[in-house]
Amino acid sequence: MAKYRHGLPPTRGERLLTDGGMETTLIFLEGIELPHFASFVLLSTPEGRQKLKDYYVPYLEIAGKAGSGFMLDSATWRANPDWGEKLGYDAAALKAVHEEAIGLLAELRTEYERPGRPIVLSGAIGPRGDGYKAGNMNAAEAEDYHAAQVANFAATDADLVSAVTLTNVDEAIGVARAARRHDIPCVIAFTVETDGRLVTGKTMQEAIEAVDAATNGYPLYYMINCAHPSHFSDALDPGSAWIKRIGGIRANASTMSHQELDESETLDAGDPADLGRRYQDLVGRMPQLRVLGGCCGTDHRHISAICAACMPQSAMSA
């Protein structure tokens, strides 16, 4: 299949589904142990690779039934040098992880992509540290730190890189600059607290405008992830220019705060139907949204509800 680079479906108007909360699904619903929340360790065995494929398939089938395209995110949220070192992976081993992760997605694209139902391969990048804390790198340090992971993806069939659960502007700038250096499109996804602000106190508007100003608007678009819609919907003014830069939502099903989620020993799956209705409201207010999926606590039930509420093809396919 041809690569979509520089002509990605999300920039042409199509709306794509994506998956839910990979790590929470694998741990809480599938009973799989993921050290340090790292799903990429499953790539090291045939059995683990099959578990990852089995994870993606229900989402691809939901999209196929609805006649929708799909954004496949790699299992590499933790595959950076710091987390890799904790798990015994050096630079060469991490390079192989990125190749394996995108290779697995390419196999799924070959099997499930159809005319009018594009499948885009996204290389997932997570924060250097904890996804709920601010971090302390400046933009130059972040660019250098994430450059290796970006370069690894740029050498594969990945169509873009998606940096998710970012909590601060400098790390987002660094990722975007590294992507520009290696000539691969990028998406930046910020996570917010229950007040709709980043953990640093910045508003989403301040964060998006700062990254755009520092990178000449390099990100294809921005997303919000790992927060319940009730945490950020009031901060979204559809009439503001910056809002038009938000192209995707990957929300949590749970209304818990990040601290509460961190301390919880059980999975709060929330209400899939309610989440679907909240997405429908967001799409109505922000018709430019192009990628819809989930984050912590969401699974195929939530994506099915989001699809039914937001994808016009769903009504035709029912």
Protein backbone atom coordinates (compact mmCIF):
# COMPACT_ATOMS: atom_id res chain seq x y z
CA MET A 1 0.00 0.00 0.00
CA ALA A 2 1.19 3.50 -0.75
CA LYS A 3 2.23 5.70 2.14
CA TYR A 4 -0.03 8.60 2.98
CA ARG A 5 2.70 11.03 3.94
CA HIS A 6 1.98 14.68 3.16
CA GLY A 7 -1.49 13.72 1.92
CA LEU A 8 -2.88 12.14 5.06
CA PRO A 9 -6.60 11.45 5.16
CA PRO A 10 -7.06 13.61 8.29
CA THR A 11 -5.88 16.60 6.25
CA ARG A 12 -8.26 15.82 3.39
CA GLY A 13 -11.52 15.72 5.33
CA GLU A 14 -12.12 12.04 6.09
CA ARG A 15 -12.96 11.11 9.68
CA LEU A 16 -11.06 8.13 11.08
CA LEU A 17 -11.60 5.94 14.11
CA THR A 18 -8.74 4.77 16.25
CA ASP A 19 -8.40 2.37 19.17
CA GLY A 20 -9.06 2.73 22.89
CA GLY A 21 -6.85 2.37 25.95
CA MET A 22 -4.31 -0.23 24.87
CA GLU A 23 -2.45 -0.66 28.14
CA THR A 24 -5.50 -0.60 30.42
CA THR A 25 -7.29 -3.09 28.16
CA LEU A 26 -4.34 -5.48 28.07
CA ILE A 27 -3.75 -5.28 31.83
CA PHE A 28 -7.26 -5.14 33.29
CA LEU A 29 -9.35 -6.94 30.67
CA GLU A 30 -6.86 -9.40 29.21
CA GLY A 31 -4.86 -10.08 32.39
CA ILE A 32 -1.52 -9.43 30.68
CA GLU A 33 1.38 -8.18 32.78
CA LEU A 34 2.99 -5.06 31.29
CA PRO A 35 6.07 -3.98 33.25
CA HIS A 36 6.16 -0.19 33.61
CA PHE A 37 2.96 -0.05 31.53
CA ALA A 38 5.02 -0.95 28.45
CA SER A 39 3.05 -2.80 25.79
CA PHE A 40 6.03 -2.93 23.41
CA VAL A 41 7.53 -5.82 25.40
CA LEU A 42 4.89 -8.07 23.79
CA LEU A 43 6.65 -7.67 20.44
CA SER A 44 9.50 -9.87 21.66
CA THR A 45 7.58 -13.16 21.27
CA PRO A 46 5.23 -14.64 18.66
CA GLU A 47 2.61 -15.06 21.38
CA GLY A 48 2.92 -11.42 22.38
CA ARG A 49 2.66 -10.24 18.78
CA GLN A 50 -0.52 -12.26 18.39
CA LYS A 51 -1.98 -10.69 21.54
CA LEU A 52 -1.34 -7.25 20.07
CA LYS A 53 -2.96 -8.25 16.78
CA ASP A 54 -5.93 -9.63 18.67
CA TYR A 55 -6.19 -6.31 20.49
CA TYR A 56 -6.41 -4.29 17.27
CA VAL A 57 -8.82 -6.53 15.34
CA PRO A 58 -12.13 -5.64 17.09
CA TYR A 59 -11.50 -1.95 16.42
CA LEU A 60 -10.68 -2.57 12.77
CA GLU A 61 -13.86 -4.61 12.43
CA ILE A 62 -15.94 -1.79 13.95
CA ALA A 63 -14.43 0.65 11.46
CA GLY A 64 -14.92 -1.76 8.57
CA LYS A 65 -18.58 -2.29 9.35
CA ALA A 66 -19.09 1.49 9.51
CA GLY A 67 -17.20 2.08 6.27
CA SER A 68 -14.68 4.20 8.15
CA GLY A 69 -10.95 4.57 7.83
CA PHE A 70 -8.70 3.89 10.80
CA MET A 71 -5.61 5.28 12.52
CA LEU A 72 -3.42 2.42 13.79
CA ASP A 73 -1.17 3.54 16.67
CA SER A 74 1.91 1.47 17.44
CA ALA A 75 2.49 -0.17 20.83
CA THR A 76 5.46 2.11 21.54
CA TRP A 77 4.21 4.69 24.05
CA ARG A 78 6.95 3.60 26.47
CA ALA A 79 9.66 2.83 23.88
CA ASN A 80 12.00 5.72 24.65
CA PRO A 81 15.52 5.54 26.12
CA ASP A 82 14.60 6.11 29.77
CA TRP A 83 11.83 3.52 29.94
CA GLY A 84 13.78 1.23 27.63
CA GLU A 85 16.72 1.23 30.04
CA LYS A 86 14.44 0.21 32.90
CA LEU A 87 13.32 -2.74 30.80
CA GLY A 88 16.78 -3.76 29.52
CA TYR A 89 16.50 -2.32 25.99
CA ASP A 90 19.46 -0.43 24.52
CA ALA A 91 19.33 1.84 21.47
CA ALA A 92 19.67 -1.03 18.99
CA ALA A 93 16.95 -3.04 20.71
CA LEU A 94 14.62 -0.03 20.71
CA LYS A 95 15.24 0.52 17.00
CA ALA A 96 14.17 -3.09 16.42
CA VAL A 97 11.07 -2.49 18.58
CA HIS A 98 9.99 0.40 16.36
CA GLU A 99 10.55 -1.65 13.23
CA GLU A 100 8.60 -4.59 14.66
CA ALA A 101 5.77 -2.39 15.89
CA ILE A 102 5.22 -0.68 12.54
CA GLY A 103 5.73 -3.98 10.70
CA LEU A 104 2.87 -5.48 12.68
CA LEU A 105 0.63 -2.52 11.81
CA ALA A 106 1.59 -2.80 8.14
CA GLU A 107 0.44 -6.43 8.17
CA LEU A 108 -2.92 -5.36 9.58
CA ARG A 109 -3.21 -2.59 6.98
CA THR A 110 -2.65 -5.11 4.19
CA GLU A 111 -5.42 -7.29 5.60
CA TYR A 112 -8.03 -4.65 6.47
CA GLU A 113 -7.58 -1.63 4.22
CA ARG A 114 -10.16 -1.24 1.47
CA PRO A 115 -10.94 1.44 -1.12
CA GLY A 116 -12.52 4.37 0.68
CA ARG A 117 -11.38 2.99 4.04
CA PRO A 118 -7.79 4.19 4.45
CA ILE A 119 -5.64 2.89 7.27
CA VAL A 120 -2.95 5.27 8.50
CA LEU A 121 0.07 4.00 10.46
CA SER A 122 1.03 6.17 13.42
CA GLY A 123 4.25 5.79 15.39
CA ALA A 124 3.25 6.44 19.00
CA ILE A 125 5.60 8.48 21.17
CA GLY A 126 5.02 9.03 24.87
CA PRO A 127 6.50 11.52 27.29
CA ARG A 128 10.02 10.99 28.56
CA GLY A 129 8.75 10.58 32.10
CA ASP A 130 5.39 10.16 33.77
CA GLY A 131 2.37 11.02 31.64
CA TYR A 132 0.76 12.91 34.50
CA LYS A 133 3.74 15.06 35.60
CA ALA A 134 5.28 18.15 34.05
CA GLY A 135 8.83 17.04 33.20
CA ASN A 136 11.78 19.41 33.16
CA MET A 137 13.39 19.35 29.68
CA ASN A 138 13.70 22.49 27.63
CA ALA A 139 12.75 22.37 23.95
CA ALA A 140 16.29 21.74 22.68
CA GLU A 141 16.80 18.88 25.14
CA ALA A 142 13.45 17.40 24.17
CA GLU A 143 14.31 17.57 20.47
CA ASP A 144 17.58 15.74 21.06
CA TYR A 145 15.95 13.20 23.35
CA HIS A 146 13.09 12.25 21.05
CA ALA A 147 15.08 12.48 17.80
CA ALA A 148 16.18 8.83 17.91
CA GLN A 149 12.64 7.53 18.28
CA VAL A 150 11.40 9.85 15.53
CA ALA A 151 14.25 8.76 13.25
CA ASN A 152 13.42 5.12 13.88
CA PHE A 153 9.84 5.70 12.78
CA ALA A 154 10.87 7.79 9.78
CA ALA A 155 12.83 4.81 8.47
CA THR A 156 9.75 2.54 8.60
CA ASP A 157 6.37 2.54 6.86
CA ALA A 158 4.95 4.88 9.53
CA ASP A 159 2.92 7.65 7.93
CA LEU A 160 3.34 10.00 10.88
CA VAL A 161 4.35 10.15 14.53
CA SER A 162 1.86 10.92 17.29
CA ALA A 163 3.19 12.23 20.59
CA VAL A 164 0.49 11.53 23.17
CA THR A 165 -0.11 12.31 26.84
CA LEU A 166 2.23 15.29 26.73
CA THR A 167 2.01 17.61 29.69
CA ASN A 168 4.23 20.54 28.77
CA VAL A 169 4.94 22.86 25.86
CA ASP A 170 8.72 22.36 25.66
CA GLU A 171 8.50 18.60 25.15
CA ALA A 172 5.86 19.10 22.46
CA ILE A 173 8.06 21.65 20.68
CA GLY A 174 10.98 19.24 20.83
CA VAL A 175 9.01 16.37 19.31
CA ALA A 176 7.66 18.59 16.52
CA ARG A 177 11.14 19.90 15.70
CA ALA A 178 12.56 16.37 15.68
CA ALA A 179 9.78 15.31 13.30
CA ARG A 180 10.50 18.25 11.02
CA ARG A 181 14.22 17.38 11.07
CA HIS A 182 13.44 13.86 9.92
CA ASP A 183 10.74 14.90 7.45
CA ILE A 184 7.85 12.97 8.94
CA PRO A 185 4.46 14.51 9.80
CA CYS A 186 3.55 14.72 13.47
CA VAL A 187 0.54 15.06 15.73
CA ILE A 188 0.75 16.48 19.25
CA ALA A 189 -1.71 15.31 21.92
CA PHE A 190 -1.87 17.14 25.24
CA THR A 191 -3.44 15.76 28.38
CA VAL A 192 -5.22 18.08 30.78
CA GLU A 193 -6.30 18.04 34.38
CA THR A 194 -9.89 18.25 35.64
CA ASP A 195 -9.79 22.04 35.20
CA GLY A 196 -9.05 21.74 31.47
CA ARG A 197 -5.47 23.00 31.90
CA LEU A 198 -2.15 21.24 31.49
CA VAL A 199 -0.51 20.18 34.75
CA THR A 200 1.83 23.17 34.31
CA GLY A 201 -1.17 25.50 34.57
CA LYS A 202 -1.15 26.53 30.92
CA THR A 203 -4.41 26.53 28.99
CA MET A 204 -4.78 24.44 25.87
CA GLN A 205 -4.89 27.63 23.88
CA GLU A 206 -1.57 28.79 25.32
CA ALA A 207 0.02 25.38 24.68
CA ILE A 208 -1.17 25.04 21.08
CA GLU A 209 -0.31 28.61 20.15
CA ALA A 210 3.15 28.30 21.74
CA VAL A 211 4.00 25.10 19.85
CA ASP A 212 2.73 26.53 16.57
CA ALA A 213 4.75 29.71 17.09
CA ALA A 214 7.95 27.78 17.88
CA THR A 215 7.61 25.31 14.97
CA ASN A 216 5.98 27.42 12.26
CA GLY A 217 2.82 25.38 12.71
CA TYR A 218 4.55 22.08 11.89
CA PRO A 219 2.13 19.66 13.63
CA LEU A 220 -0.58 18.40 11.30
CA TYR A 221 -3.06 18.95 14.10
CA TYR A 222 -3.41 18.61 17.86
CA MET A 223 -5.37 16.16 19.97
CA ILE A 224 -6.62 15.99 23.53
CA ASN A 225 -6.07 12.65 25.23
CA CYS A 226 -6.24 10.95 28.62
CA ALA A 227 -8.94 13.20 30.13
CA HIS A 228 -12.72 12.85 30.34
CA PRO A 229 -14.69 15.23 28.10
CA SER A 230 -16.22 16.85 31.19
CA HIS A 231 -12.70 17.98 32.14
CA PHE A 232 -12.10 20.00 28.98
CA SER A 233 -15.32 20.63 27.07
CA ASP A 234 -16.01 23.95 28.82
CA ALA A 235 -12.56 25.20 27.77
CA LEU A 236 -13.36 24.76 24.07
CA ASP A 237 -14.73 27.88 22.40
CA PRO A 238 -15.77 26.84 18.87
CA GLY A 239 -15.41 30.42 17.66
CA SER A 240 -11.72 30.68 18.55
CA ALA A 241 -9.08 30.32 15.85
CA TRP A 242 -6.89 27.98 17.93
CA ILE A 243 -9.73 25.48 18.31
CA LYS A 244 -9.51 24.72 14.59
CA ARG A 245 -6.07 23.19 15.23
CA ILE A 246 -7.62 20.41 17.34
CA GLY A 247 -8.15 17.49 14.98
CA GLY A 248 -8.68 14.55 17.29
CA ILE A 249 -10.00 13.40 20.67
CA ARG A 250 -8.86 10.35 22.63
CA ALA A 251 -10.68 10.79 25.92
CA ASN A 252 -10.86 8.68 29.05
CA ALA A 253 -14.07 6.89 29.93
CA SER A 254 -13.55 7.67 33.61
CA THR A 255 -14.27 11.02 35.21
CA MET A 256 -11.52 10.37 37.77
CA SER A 257 -8.60 12.76 38.09
CA HIS A 258 -5.15 11.59 37.04
CA GLN A 259 -4.17 11.15 40.68
CA GLU A 260 -7.25 9.03 41.34
CA LEU A 261 -6.54 6.90 38.25
CA ASP A 262 -2.93 6.43 39.34
CA GLU A 263 -4.02 5.20 42.76
CA SER A 264 -6.88 2.99 41.56
CA GLU A 265 -6.37 -0.77 41.58
CA THR A 266 -9.47 -1.42 39.48
CA LEU A 267 -10.54 -0.26 36.04
CA ASP A 268 -13.20 2.45 35.80
CA ALA A 269 -14.77 1.87 32.37
CA GLY A 270 -17.32 4.65 32.75
CA ASP A 271 -20.42 4.60 30.53
CA PRO A 272 -19.78 3.89 26.82
CA ALA A 273 -23.14 5.32 25.71
CA ASP A 274 -22.57 8.52 27.67
CA LEU A 275 -19.08 8.85 26.20
CA GLY A 276 -20.53 8.46 22.71
CA ARG A 277 -23.02 11.25 23.37
CA ARG A 278 -20.26 13.51 24.65
CA TYR A 279 -18.23 12.88 21.50
CA GLN A 280 -21.30 13.65 19.41
CA ASP A 281 -21.54 17.01 21.16
CA LEU A 282 -17.84 17.69 20.59
CA VAL A 283 -18.10 16.84 16.88
CA GLY A 284 -21.14 19.08 16.57
CA ARG A 285 -19.20 21.95 18.08
CA MET A 286 -15.93 21.16 16.29
CA PRO A 287 -16.71 19.65 12.88
CA GLN A 288 -13.02 19.72 12.00
CA LEU A 289 -12.38 16.73 14.30
CA ARG A 290 -10.93 13.97 12.15
CA VAL A 291 -9.65 11.26 14.54
CA LEU A 292 -11.88 9.78 17.25
CA GLY A 293 -10.72 7.18 19.74
CA GLY A 294 -10.24 6.50 23.41
CA CYS A 295 -7.65 6.39 26.16
CA CYS A 296 -7.53 4.95 29.68
CA GLY A 297 -10.41 2.63 30.50
CA THR A 298 -11.86 2.55 26.99
CA ASP A 299 -12.21 -0.57 24.86
CA HIS A 300 -14.13 -1.69 21.77
CA ARG A 301 -17.47 -0.98 23.47
CA HIS A 302 -16.63 2.70 23.82
CA ILE A 303 -15.30 2.99 20.26
CA SER A 304 -18.44 1.30 18.97
CA ALA A 305 -20.58 3.85 20.83
CA ILE A 306 -18.46 6.74 19.53
CA CYS A 307 -18.72 5.36 16.01
CA ALA A 308 -22.49 5.03 16.20
CA ALA A 309 -22.84 8.57 17.54
CA CYS A 310 -20.37 10.37 15.28
CA MET A 311 -19.75 8.55 12.02
CA PRO A 312 -22.34 9.23 9.29
CA GLN A 313 -21.42 5.95 7.61
CA SER A 314 -22.68 4.05 10.68
CA ALA A 315 -26.30 4.88 9.95
CA MET A 316 -25.91 3.74 6.35
CA SER A 317 -24.23 0.50 7.38
CA ALA A 318 -26.72 -0.43 10.09
